[in-house]
């Protein structure tokens, strides 16, 4: 998978499917060798991560409309080349342009 300067968004309403997809994206980006290794890097929300010292952000669930400041910080980190992967239940239309979205159909091998 080619690293783009966009937020990688894993979209699924099912928590287990979203977690499996997120682990595979992290493995494909090269941050882990196996999905179990990737699981150790994933935090529950972006609020659990210290942005000042982070080189990547892997968060299981995020709501783009929840906090504009956090969303802006995630966009800035992605634009600078940091890996940003978040899971969402639904991707708002206004954020589709700035994100690379992954849906369950993209992961037929899971």
PDB file of N, CA and C in Angstrom:
ATOM      1  N   UNK A   1       0.845  -1.170   0.000  1.00  0.00           N
ATOM      2  CA  UNK A   1       0.000   0.000   0.000  1.00  0.00           C
ATOM      3  C   UNK A   1       0.893   1.237   0.000  1.00  0.00           C
ATOM      4  N   UNK A   2       0.554   2.167  -0.852  1.00  0.00           N
ATOM      5  CA  UNK A   2       1.318   3.403  -0.937  1.00  0.00           C
ATOM      6  C   UNK A   2       0.836   4.386   0.132  1.00  0.00           C
ATOM      7  N   UNK A   3       1.755   4.966   0.835  1.00  0.00           N
ATOM      8  CA  UNK A   3       1.429   5.959   1.866  1.00  0.00           C
ATOM      9  C   UNK A   3       1.094   7.278   1.196  1.00  0.00           C
ATOM     10  N   UNK A   4      -0.092   7.765   1.452  1.00  0.00           N
ATOM     11  CA  UNK A   4      -0.504   9.078   0.956  1.00  0.00           C
ATOM     12  C   UNK A   4      -0.590  10.026   2.145  1.00  0.00           C
ATOM     13  N   UNK A   5      -0.574  11.292   1.879  1.00  0.00           N
ATOM     14  CA  UNK A   5      -0.674  12.278   2.955  1.00  0.00           C
ATOM     15  C   UNK A   5      -2.135  12.602   3.229  1.00  0.00           C
ATOM     16  N   UNK A   6      -2.905  11.569   3.461  1.00  0.00           N
ATOM     17  CA  UNK A   6      -4.303  11.687   3.813  1.00  0.00           C
ATOM     18  C   UNK A   6      -4.561  10.821   5.038  1.00  0.00           C
ATOM     19  N   UNK A   7      -5.665  11.074   5.686  1.00  0.00           N
ATOM     20  CA  UNK A   7      -6.079  10.226   6.804  1.00  0.00           C
ATOM     21  C   UNK A   7      -6.669   8.940   6.230  1.00  0.00           C
ATOM     22  N   UNK A   8      -6.179   7.805   6.689  1.00  0.00           N
ATOM     23  CA  UNK A   8      -6.738   6.513   6.299  1.00  0.00           C
ATOM     24  C   UNK A   8      -7.910   6.232   7.231  1.00  0.00           C
ATOM     25  N   UNK A   9      -9.086   6.050   6.651  1.00  0.00           N
ATOM     26  CA  UNK A   9     -10.299   5.867   7.438  1.00  0.00           C
ATOM     27  C   UNK A   9     -10.863   4.478   7.154  1.00  0.00           C
ATOM     28  N   UNK A  10     -11.035   3.705   8.216  1.00  0.00           N
ATOM     29  CA  UNK A  10     -11.619   2.372   8.118  1.00  0.00           C
ATOM     30  C   UNK A  10     -13.091   2.501   8.503  1.00  0.00           C
ATOM     31  N   UNK A  11     -13.984   2.209   7.556  1.00  0.00           N
ATOM     32  CA  UNK A  11     -15.407   2.454   7.742  1.00  0.00           C
ATOM     33  C   UNK A  11     -16.155   1.129   7.887  1.00  0.00           C
ATOM     34  N   UNK A  12     -16.746   0.924   9.053  1.00  0.00           N
ATOM     35  CA  UNK A  12     -17.590  -0.239   9.287  1.00  0.00           C
ATOM     36  C   UNK A  12     -18.412  -0.004  10.548  1.00  0.00           C
ATOM     37  N   UNK A  13     -19.677  -0.383  10.489  1.00  0.00           N
ATOM     38  CA  UNK A  13     -20.516  -0.218  11.678  1.00  0.00           C
ATOM     39  C   UNK A  13     -20.297  -1.341  12.689  1.00  0.00           C
ATOM     40  N   UNK A  14     -19.712  -2.457  12.247  1.00  0.00           N
ATOM     41  CA  UNK A  14     -19.429  -3.585  13.138  1.00  0.00           C
ATOM     42  C   UNK A  14     -18.043  -3.417  13.760  1.00  0.00           C
ATOM     43  N   UNK A  15     -17.963  -3.454  15.077  1.00  0.00           N
ATOM     44  CA  UNK A  15     -16.698  -3.218  15.779  1.00  0.00           C
ATOM     45  C   UNK A  15     -15.640  -4.256  15.440  1.00  0.00           C
ATOM     46  N   UNK A  16     -16.012  -5.536  15.371  1.00  0.00           N
ATOM     47  CA  UNK A  16     -15.039  -6.592  15.090  1.00  0.00           C
ATOM     48  C   UNK A  16     -14.495  -6.489  13.668  1.00  0.00           C
ATOM     49  N   UNK A  17     -15.365  -6.213  12.717  1.00  0.00           N
ATOM     50  CA  UNK A  17     -14.931  -6.047  11.328  1.00  0.00           C
ATOM     51  C   UNK A  17     -14.009  -4.849  11.193  1.00  0.00           C
ATOM     52  N   UNK A  18     -14.367  -3.746  11.845  1.00  0.00           N
ATOM     53  CA  UNK A  18     -13.543  -2.535  11.790  1.00  0.00           C
ATOM     54  C   UNK A  18     -12.167  -2.779  12.398  1.00  0.00           C
ATOM     55  N   UNK A  19     -12.111  -3.513  13.505  1.00  0.00           N
ATOM     56  CA  UNK A  19     -10.828  -3.810  14.146  1.00  0.00           C
ATOM     57  C   UNK A  19      -9.953  -4.679  13.249  1.00  0.00           C
ATOM     58  N   UNK A  20     -10.534  -5.680  12.618  1.00  0.00           N
ATOM     59  CA  UNK A  20      -9.762  -6.546  11.716  1.00  0.00           C
ATOM     60  C   UNK A  20      -9.254  -5.771  10.506  1.00  0.00           C
ATOM     61  N   UNK A  21     -10.095  -4.904   9.963  1.00  0.00           N
ATOM     62  CA  UNK A  21      -9.682  -4.096   8.819  1.00  0.00           C
ATOM     63  C   UNK A  21      -8.556  -3.143   9.210  1.00  0.00           C
ATOM     64  N   UNK A  22      -8.682  -2.522  10.376  1.00  0.00           N
ATOM     65  CA  UNK A  22      -7.661  -1.583  10.832  1.00  0.00           C
ATOM     66  C   UNK A  22      -6.319  -2.291  11.020  1.00  0.00           C
ATOM     67  N   UNK A  23      -6.339  -3.465  11.608  1.00  0.00           N
ATOM     68  CA  UNK A  23      -5.103  -4.233  11.791  1.00  0.00           C
ATOM     69  C   UNK A  23      -4.448  -4.528  10.449  1.00  0.00           C
ATOM     70  N   UNK A  24      -5.254  -4.882   9.446  1.00  0.00           N
ATOM     71  CA  UNK A  24      -4.697  -5.184   8.131  1.00  0.00           C
ATOM     72  C   UNK A  24      -4.108  -3.940   7.472  1.00  0.00           C
ATOM     73  N   UNK A  25      -4.746  -2.796   7.623  1.00  0.00           N
ATOM     74  CA  UNK A  25      -4.214  -1.549   7.068  1.00  0.00           C
ATOM     75  C   UNK A  25      -2.861  -1.229   7.711  1.00  0.00           C
ATOM     76  N   UNK A  26      -2.758  -1.402   9.022  1.00  0.00           N
ATOM     77  CA  UNK A  26      -1.502  -1.124   9.721  1.00  0.00           C
ATOM     78  C   UNK A  26      -0.397  -2.068   9.247  1.00  0.00           C
ATOM     79  N   UNK A  27      -0.727  -3.329   9.036  1.00  0.00           N
ATOM     80  CA  UNK A  27       0.249  -4.284   8.507  1.00  0.00           C
ATOM     81  C   UNK A  27       0.663  -3.877   7.094  1.00  0.00           C
ATOM     82  N   UNK A  28      -0.304  -3.503   6.250  1.00  0.00           N
ATOM     83  CA  UNK A  28      -0.015  -3.097   4.875  1.00  0.00           C
ATOM     84  C   UNK A  28       0.838  -1.833   4.808  1.00  0.00           C
ATOM     85  N   UNK A  29       0.688  -0.945   5.796  1.00  0.00           N
ATOM     86  CA  UNK A  29       1.508   0.270   5.840  1.00  0.00           C
ATOM     87  C   UNK A  29       2.926  -0.018   6.331  1.00  0.00           C
ATOM     88  N   UNK A  30       3.143  -1.188   6.909  1.00  0.00           N
ATOM     89  CA  UNK A  30       4.483  -1.569   7.348  1.00  0.00           C
ATOM     90  C   UNK A  30       4.798  -1.265   8.795  1.00  0.00           C
ATOM     91  N   UNK A  31       3.814  -0.936   9.582  1.00  0.00           N
ATOM     92  CA  UNK A  31       4.049  -0.640  10.992  1.00  0.00           C
ATOM     93  C   UNK A  31       4.033  -1.885  11.862  1.00  0.00           C
ATOM     94  N   UNK A  32       3.559  -3.002  11.326  1.00  0.00           N
ATOM     95  CA  UNK A  32       3.528  -4.263  12.069  1.00  0.00           C
ATOM     96  C   UNK A  32       3.691  -5.402  11.065  1.00  0.00           C
ATOM     97  N   UNK A  33       4.132  -6.533  11.589  1.00  0.00           N
ATOM     98  CA  UNK A  33       4.298  -7.707  10.718  1.00  0.00           C
ATOM     99  C   UNK A  33       3.066  -8.595  10.715  1.00  0.00           C
ATOM    100  N   UNK A  34       2.362  -8.643  11.816  1.00  0.00           N
ATOM    101  CA  UNK A  34       1.164  -9.480  11.929  1.00  0.00           C
ATOM    102  C   UNK A  34       0.023  -8.642  12.507  1.00  0.00           C
ATOM    103  N   UNK A  35      -1.216  -9.078  12.286  1.00  0.00           N
ATOM    104  CA  UNK A  35      -2.342  -8.343  12.876  1.00  0.00           C
ATOM    105  C   UNK A  35      -2.296  -8.288  14.402  1.00  0.00           C
ATOM    106  N   UNK A  36      -1.749  -9.302  15.042  1.00  0.00           N
ATOM    107  CA  UNK A  36      -1.666  -9.254  16.510  1.00  0.00           C
ATOM    108  C   UNK A  36      -0.658  -8.197  16.961  1.00  0.00           C
ATOM    109  N   UNK A  37       0.399  -7.987  16.181  1.00  0.00           N
ATOM    110  CA  UNK A  37       1.328  -6.889  16.484  1.00  0.00           C
ATOM    111  C   UNK A  37       0.644  -5.537  16.296  1.00  0.00           C
ATOM    112  N   UNK A  38      -0.162  -5.442  15.251  1.00  0.00           N
ATOM    113  CA  UNK A  38      -0.866  -4.180  14.965  1.00  0.00           C
ATOM    114  C   UNK A  38      -1.853  -3.845  16.075  1.00  0.00           C
ATOM    115  N   UNK A  39      -2.464  -4.864  16.674  1.00  0.00           N
ATOM    116  CA  UNK A  39      -3.438  -4.623  17.743  1.00  0.00           C
ATOM    117  C   UNK A  39      -2.809  -3.918  18.933  1.00  0.00           C
ATOM    118  N   UNK A  40      -1.523  -4.137  19.160  1.00  0.00           N
ATOM    119  CA  UNK A  40      -0.831  -3.503  20.285  1.00  0.00           C
ATOM    120  C   UNK A  40      -0.620  -2.006  20.061  1.00  0.00           C
ATOM    121  N   UNK A  41      -0.694  -1.560  18.815  1.00  0.00           N
ATOM    122  CA  UNK A  41      -0.464  -0.154  18.490  1.00  0.00           C
ATOM    123  C   UNK A  41      -1.743   0.677  18.481  1.00  0.00           C
ATOM    124  N   UNK A  42      -2.889   0.030  18.443  1.00  0.00           N
ATOM    125  CA  UNK A  42      -4.176   0.724  18.302  1.00  0.00           C
ATOM    126  C   UNK A  42      -4.679   1.199  19.661  1.00  0.00           C
ATOM    127  N   UNK A  43      -5.062   2.464  19.722  1.00  0.00           N
ATOM    128  CA  UNK A  43      -5.681   3.040  20.919  1.00  0.00           C
ATOM    129  C   UNK A  43      -7.185   3.162  20.682  1.00  0.00           C
ATOM    130  N   UNK A  44      -7.927   3.345  21.758  1.00  0.00           N
ATOM    131  CA  UNK A  44      -9.381   3.427  21.639  1.00  0.00           C
ATOM    132  C   UNK A  44      -9.822   4.667  20.861  1.00  0.00           C
ATOM    133  N   UNK A  45      -9.290   5.828  21.205  1.00  0.00           N
ATOM    134  CA  UNK A  45      -9.643   7.076  20.540  1.00  0.00           C
ATOM    135  C   UNK A  45      -8.378   7.902  20.321  1.00  0.00           C
ATOM    136  N   UNK A  46      -8.423   8.892  19.439  1.00  0.00           N
ATOM    137  CA  UNK A  46      -7.256   9.763  19.272  1.00  0.00           C
ATOM    138  C   UNK A  46      -6.931  10.570  20.529  1.00  0.00           C
ATOM    139  N   UNK A  47      -7.905  10.721  21.420  1.00  0.00           N
ATOM    140  CA  UNK A  47      -7.674  11.483  22.647  1.00  0.00           C
ATOM    141  C   UNK A  47      -6.732  10.745  23.595  1.00  0.00           C
ATOM    142  N   UNK A  48      -6.503   9.456  23.373  1.00  0.00           N
ATOM    143  CA  UNK A  48      -5.584   8.665  24.191  1.00  0.00           C
ATOM    144  C   UNK A  48      -4.134   8.801  23.732  1.00  0.00           C
ATOM    145  N   UNK A  49      -3.891   9.593  22.707  1.00  0.00           N
ATOM    146  CA  UNK A  49      -2.568   9.728  22.101  1.00  0.00           C
ATOM    147  C   UNK A  49      -2.035  11.136  22.345  1.00  0.00           C
ATOM    148  N   UNK A  50      -0.767  11.226  22.709  1.00  0.00           N
ATOM    149  CA  UNK A  50      -0.098  12.513  22.888  1.00  0.00           C
ATOM    150  C   UNK A  50       0.407  12.974  21.521  1.00  0.00           C
ATOM    151  N   UNK A  51      -0.309  13.897  20.895  1.00  0.00           N
ATOM    152  CA  UNK A  51       0.024  14.326  19.538  1.00  0.00           C
ATOM    153  C   UNK A  51       1.404  14.957  19.435  1.00  0.00           C
ATOM    154  N   UNK A  52       1.866  15.591  20.475  1.00  0.00           N
ATOM    155  CA  UNK A  52       3.164  16.275  20.436  1.00  0.00           C
ATOM    156  C   UNK A  52       4.322  15.294  20.286  1.00  0.00           C
ATOM    157  N   UNK A  53       4.159  14.082  20.766  1.00  0.00           N
ATOM    158  CA  UNK A  53       5.245  13.095  20.716  1.00  0.00           C
ATOM    159  C   UNK A  53       4.951  11.914  19.804  1.00  0.00           C
ATOM    160  N   UNK A  54       3.857  11.946  19.066  1.00  0.00           N
ATOM    161  CA  UNK A  54       3.441  10.804  18.250  1.00  0.00           C
ATOM    162  C   UNK A  54       4.020  10.886  16.839  1.00  0.00           C
ATOM    163  N   UNK A  55       4.390   9.727  16.322  1.00  0.00           N
ATOM    164  CA  UNK A  55       4.810   9.602  14.925  1.00  0.00           C
ATOM    165  C   UNK A  55       3.727   8.936  14.085  1.00  0.00           C
ATOM    166  N   UNK A  56       2.738   8.390  14.743  1.00  0.00           N
ATOM    167  CA  UNK A  56       1.597   7.786  14.067  1.00  0.00           C
ATOM    168  C   UNK A  56       0.400   7.847  15.004  1.00  0.00           C
ATOM    169  N   UNK A  57      -0.790   7.788  14.408  1.00  0.00           N
ATOM    170  CA  UNK A  57      -2.035   7.771  15.181  1.00  0.00           C
ATOM    171  C   UNK A  57      -2.874   6.618  14.646  1.00  0.00           C
ATOM    172  N   UNK A  58      -3.115   5.632  15.485  1.00  0.00           N
ATOM    173  CA  UNK A  58      -3.992   4.516  15.154  1.00  0.00           C
ATOM    174  C   UNK A  58      -5.087   4.481  16.209  1.00  0.00           C
ATOM    175  N   UNK A  59      -6.298   4.859  15.852  1.00  0.00           N
ATOM    176  CA  UNK A  59      -7.403   4.938  16.810  1.00  0.00           C
ATOM    177  C   UNK A  59      -8.589   4.117  16.304  1.00  0.00           C
ATOM    178  N   UNK A  60      -9.161   3.325  17.199  1.00  0.00           N
ATOM    179  CA  UNK A  60     -10.222   2.396  16.839  1.00  0.00           C
ATOM    180  C   UNK A  60     -11.512   3.094  16.443  1.00  0.00           C
ATOM    181  N   UNK A  61     -11.873   4.143  17.149  1.00  0.00           N
ATOM    182  CA  UNK A  61     -13.137   4.816  16.840  1.00  0.00           C
ATOM    183  C   UNK A  61     -12.945   6.336  16.937  1.00  0.00           C
ATOM    184  N   UNK A  62     -13.517   7.043  15.973  1.00  0.00           N
ATOM    185  CA  UNK A  62     -13.419   8.499  15.983  1.00  0.00           C
ATOM    186  C   UNK A  62     -14.652   9.074  15.307  1.00  0.00           C
ATOM    187  N   UNK A  63     -15.092  10.217  15.792  1.00  0.00           N
ATOM    188  CA  UNK A  63     -16.201  10.943  15.202  1.00  0.00           C
ATOM    189  C   UNK A  63     -15.649  12.263  14.689  1.00  0.00           C
ATOM    190  N   UNK A  64     -15.625  12.446  13.376  1.00  0.00           N
ATOM    191  CA  UNK A  64     -15.056  13.655  12.783  1.00  0.00           C
ATOM    192  C   UNK A  64     -15.783  14.925  13.218  1.00  0.00           C
ATOM    193  N   UNK A  65     -17.062  14.824  13.522  1.00  0.00           N
ATOM    194  CA  UNK A  65     -17.832  16.007  13.902  1.00  0.00           C
ATOM    195  C   UNK A  65     -17.764  16.310  15.390  1.00  0.00           C
ATOM    196  N   UNK A  66     -17.065  15.467  16.136  1.00  0.00           N
ATOM    197  CA  UNK A  66     -17.007  15.617  17.589  1.00  0.00           C
ATOM    198  C   UNK A  66     -16.153  16.819  18.005  1.00  0.00           C
ATOM    199  N   UNK A  67     -14.963  16.939  17.440  1.00  0.00           N
ATOM    200  CA  UNK A  67     -14.054  18.014  17.809  1.00  0.00           C
ATOM    201  C   UNK A  67     -13.329  18.539  16.571  1.00  0.00           C
ATOM    202  N   UNK A  68     -13.610  19.768  16.216  1.00  0.00           N
ATOM    203  CA  UNK A  68     -12.958  20.365  15.043  1.00  0.00           C
ATOM    204  C   UNK A  68     -11.460  20.532  15.243  1.00  0.00           C
ATOM    205  N   UNK A  69     -11.040  20.817  16.457  1.00  0.00           N
ATOM    206  CA  UNK A  69      -9.621  21.018  16.733  1.00  0.00           C
ATOM    207  C   UNK A  69      -8.849  19.712  16.562  1.00  0.00           C
ATOM    208  N   UNK A  70      -9.388  18.613  17.078  1.00  0.00           N
ATOM    209  CA  UNK A  70      -8.724  17.315  16.936  1.00  0.00           C
ATOM    210  C   UNK A  70      -8.703  16.883  15.477  1.00  0.00           C
ATOM    211  N   UNK A  71      -9.791  17.095  14.764  1.00  0.00           N
ATOM    212  CA  UNK A  71      -9.840  16.752  13.341  1.00  0.00           C
ATOM    213  C   UNK A  71      -8.798  17.543  12.567  1.00  0.00           C
ATOM    214  N   UNK A  72      -8.666  18.834  12.863  1.00  0.00           N
ATOM    215  CA  UNK A  72      -7.653  19.659  12.210  1.00  0.00           C
ATOM    216  C   UNK A  72      -6.253  19.156  12.510  1.00  0.00           C
ATOM    217  N   UNK A  73      -5.997  18.759  13.752  1.00  0.00           N
ATOM    218  CA  UNK A  73      -4.684  18.241  14.141  1.00  0.00           C
ATOM    219  C   UNK A  73      -4.374  16.946  13.392  1.00  0.00           C
ATOM    220  N   UNK A  74      -5.370  16.079  13.241  1.00  0.00           N
ATOM    221  CA  UNK A  74      -5.165  14.833  12.494  1.00  0.00           C
ATOM    222  C   UNK A  74      -4.851  15.124  11.029  1.00  0.00           C
ATOM    223  N   UNK A  75      -5.559  16.094  10.427  1.00  0.00           N
ATOM    224  CA  UNK A  75      -5.272  16.483   9.040  1.00  0.00           C
ATOM    225  C   UNK A  75      -3.859  17.041   8.909  1.00  0.00           C
ATOM    226  N   UNK A  76      -3.443  17.855   9.857  1.00  0.00           N
ATOM    227  CA  UNK A  76      -2.094  18.424   9.817  1.00  0.00           C
ATOM    228  C   UNK A  76      -1.030  17.346   9.931  1.00  0.00           C
ATOM    229  N   UNK A  77      -1.246  16.391  10.825  1.00  0.00           N
ATOM    230  CA  UNK A  77      -0.280  15.298  10.980  1.00  0.00           C
ATOM    231  C   UNK A  77      -0.190  14.469   9.699  1.00  0.00           C
ATOM    232  N   UNK A  78      -1.324  14.168   9.092  1.00  0.00           N
ATOM    233  CA  UNK A  78      -1.321  13.402   7.851  1.00  0.00           C
ATOM    234  C   UNK A  78      -0.629  14.176   6.732  1.00  0.00           C
ATOM    235  N   UNK A  79      -0.851  15.479   6.664  1.00  0.00           N
ATOM    236  CA  UNK A  79      -0.223  16.304   5.631  1.00  0.00           C
ATOM    237  C   UNK A  79       1.294  16.350   5.789  1.00  0.00           C
ATOM    238  N   UNK A  80       1.775  16.256   7.017  1.00  0.00           N
ATOM    239  CA  UNK A  80       3.221  16.248   7.276  1.00  0.00           C
ATOM    240  C   UNK A  80       3.853  14.887   7.039  1.00  0.00           C
ATOM    241  N   UNK A  81       3.041  13.871   6.745  1.00  0.00           N
ATOM    242  CA  UNK A  81       3.586  12.556   6.439  1.00  0.00           C
ATOM    243  C   UNK A  81       3.460  11.534   7.544  1.00  0.00           C
ATOM    244  N   UNK A  82       2.842  11.906   8.653  1.00  0.00           N
ATOM    245  CA  UNK A  82       2.610  10.939   9.727  1.00  0.00           C
ATOM    246  C   UNK A  82       1.492   9.993   9.308  1.00  0.00           C
ATOM    247  N   UNK A  83       1.567   8.755   9.761  1.00  0.00           N
ATOM    248  CA  UNK A  83       0.506   7.792   9.470  1.00  0.00           C
ATOM    249  C   UNK A  83      -0.658   8.043  10.422  1.00  0.00           C
ATOM    250  N   UNK A  84      -1.827   8.271   9.859  1.00  0.00           N
ATOM    251  CA  UNK A  84      -3.037   8.491  10.655  1.00  0.00           C
ATOM    252  C   UNK A  84      -4.098   7.520  10.141  1.00  0.00           C
ATOM    253  N   UNK A  85      -4.485   6.578  10.994  1.00  0.00           N
ATOM    254  CA  UNK A  85      -5.508   5.589  10.648  1.00  0.00           C
ATOM    255  C   UNK A  85      -6.552   5.618  11.753  1.00  0.00           C
ATOM    256  N   UNK A  86      -7.786   5.927  11.391  1.00  0.00           N
ATOM    257  CA  UNK A  86      -8.872   5.954  12.375  1.00  0.00           C
ATOM    258  C   UNK A  86     -10.039   5.117  11.867  1.00  0.00           C
ATOM    259  N   UNK A  87     -10.775   4.563  12.801  1.00  0.00           N
ATOM    260  CA  UNK A  87     -11.967   3.805  12.474  1.00  0.00           C
ATOM    261  C   UNK A  87     -13.201   4.636  12.727  1.00  0.00           C
ATOM    262  N   UNK A  88     -14.161   4.536  11.834  1.00  0.00           N
ATOM    263  CA  UNK A  88     -15.416   5.262  11.994  1.00  0.00           C
ATOM    264  C   UNK A  88     -16.580   4.343  11.640  1.00  0.00           C
ATOM    265  N   UNK A  89     -17.737   4.671  12.192  1.00  0.00           N
ATOM    266  CA  UNK A  89     -18.941   3.920  11.822  1.00  0.00           C
ATOM    267  C   UNK A  89     -19.495   4.414  10.489  1.00  0.00           C
ATOM    268  N   UNK A  90     -19.360   5.732  10.257  1.00  0.00           N
ATOM    269  CA  UNK A  90     -19.821   6.332   9.011  1.00  0.00           C
ATOM    270  C   UNK A  90     -18.939   7.536   8.712  1.00  0.00           C
ATOM    271  N   UNK A  91     -18.515   7.669   7.470  1.00  0.00           N
ATOM    272  CA  UNK A  91     -17.661   8.780   7.067  1.00  0.00           C
ATOM    273  C   UNK A  91     -18.524   9.933   6.564  1.00  0.00           C
ATOM    274  N   UNK A  92     -18.461  11.103   7.235  1.00  0.00           N
ATOM    275  CA  UNK A  92     -19.245  12.257   6.774  1.00  0.00           C
ATOM    276  C   UNK A  92     -18.798  12.701   5.377  1.00  0.00           C
ATOM    277  N   UNK A  93     -19.746  13.135   4.587  1.00  0.00           N
ATOM    278  CA  UNK A  93     -19.475  13.506   3.199  1.00  0.00           C
ATOM    279  C   UNK A  93     -18.444  14.633   3.085  1.00  0.00           C
ATOM    280  N   UNK A  94     -18.463  15.575   4.016  1.00  0.00           N
ATOM    281  CA  UNK A  94     -17.531  16.708   3.912  1.00  0.00           C
ATOM    282  C   UNK A  94     -16.079  16.326   4.176  1.00  0.00           C
ATOM    283  N   UNK A  95     -15.834  15.119   4.682  1.00  0.00           N
ATOM    284  CA  UNK A  95     -14.476  14.682   4.965  1.00  0.00           C
ATOM    285  C   UNK A  95     -13.951  13.651   3.961  1.00  0.00           C
ATOM    286  N   UNK A  96     -14.775  13.226   3.019  1.00  0.00           N
ATOM    287  CA  UNK A  96     -14.368  12.203   2.058  1.00  0.00           C
ATOM    288  C   UNK A  96     -13.207  12.648   1.177  1.00  0.00           C
ATOM    289  N   UNK A  97     -13.166  13.922   0.837  1.00  0.00           N
ATOM    290  CA  UNK A  97     -12.131  14.428  -0.065  1.00  0.00           C
ATOM    291  C   UNK A  97     -10.734  14.341   0.549  1.00  0.00           C
ATOM    292  N   UNK A  98     -10.636  14.504   1.847  1.00  0.00           N
ATOM    293  CA  UNK A  98      -9.346  14.545   2.525  1.00  0.00           C
ATOM    294  C   UNK A  98      -8.925  13.191   3.088  1.00  0.00           C
ATOM    295  N   UNK A  99      -9.710  12.151   2.831  1.00  0.00           N
ATOM    296  CA  UNK A  99      -9.450  10.842   3.428  1.00  0.00           C
ATOM    297  C   UNK A  99      -9.312   9.764   2.362  1.00  0.00           C
ATOM    298  N   UNK A 100      -8.608   8.713   2.730  1.00  0.00           N
ATOM    299  CA  UNK A 100      -8.598   7.486   1.952  1.00  0.00           C
ATOM    300  C   UNK A 100      -9.449   6.491   2.726  1.00  0.00           C
ATOM    301  N   UNK A 101     -10.603   6.133   2.178  1.00  0.00           N
ATOM    302  CA  UNK A 101     -11.551   5.293   2.899  1.00  0.00           C
ATOM    303  C   UNK A 101     -11.383   3.825   2.522  1.00  0.00           C
ATOM    304  N   UNK A 102     -11.512   2.966   3.526  1.00  0.00           N
ATOM    305  CA  UNK A 102     -11.486   1.519   3.337  1.00  0.00           C
ATOM    306  C   UNK A 102     -12.798   0.961   3.860  1.00  0.00           C
ATOM    307  N   UNK A 103     -13.466   0.170   3.022  1.00  0.00           N
ATOM    308  CA  UNK A 103     -14.743  -0.432   3.370  1.00  0.00           C
ATOM    309  C   UNK A 103     -14.579  -1.950   3.450  1.00  0.00           C
ATOM    310  N   UNK A 104     -15.524  -2.659   4.090  1.00  0.00           N
ATOM    311  CA  UNK A 104     -15.400  -4.121   4.201  1.00  0.00           C
ATOM    312  C   UNK A 104     -15.250  -4.834   2.855  1.00  0.00           C
ATOM    313  N   UNK A 105     -15.815  -4.273   1.796  1.00  0.00           N
ATOM    314  CA  UNK A 105     -15.695  -4.891   0.472  1.00  0.00           C
ATOM    315  C   UNK A 105     -14.247  -4.896  -0.030  1.00  0.00           C
ATOM    316  N   UNK A 106     -13.426  -3.980   0.474  1.00  0.00           N
ATOM    317  CA  UNK A 106     -12.021  -3.888   0.066  1.00  0.00           C
ATOM    318  C   UNK A 106     -11.172  -4.999   0.695  1.00  0.00           C
ATOM    319  N   UNK A 107     -11.713  -5.683   1.692  1.00  0.00           N
ATOM    320  CA  UNK A 107     -10.958  -6.702   2.427  1.00  0.00           C
ATOM    321  C   UNK A 107     -11.673  -8.044   2.294  1.00  0.00           C
ATOM    322  N   UNK A 108     -11.643  -8.616   1.139  1.00  0.00           N
ATOM    323  CA  UNK A 108     -12.334  -9.887   0.921  1.00  0.00           C
ATOM    324  C   UNK A 108     -11.628 -11.042   1.615  1.00  0.00           C
ATOM    325  N   UNK A 109     -10.343 -10.858   1.949  1.00  0.00           N
ATOM    326  CA  UNK A 109      -9.585 -11.956   2.563  1.00  0.00           C
ATOM    327  C   UNK A 109      -9.778 -12.052   4.073  1.00  0.00           C
ATOM    328  N   UNK A 110     -10.504 -11.124   4.700  1.00  0.00           N
ATOM    329  CA  UNK A 110     -10.708 -11.168   6.152  1.00  0.00           C
ATOM    330  C   UNK A 110     -11.801 -12.138   6.521  1.00  0.00           C
TER     331      UNK A 110
END
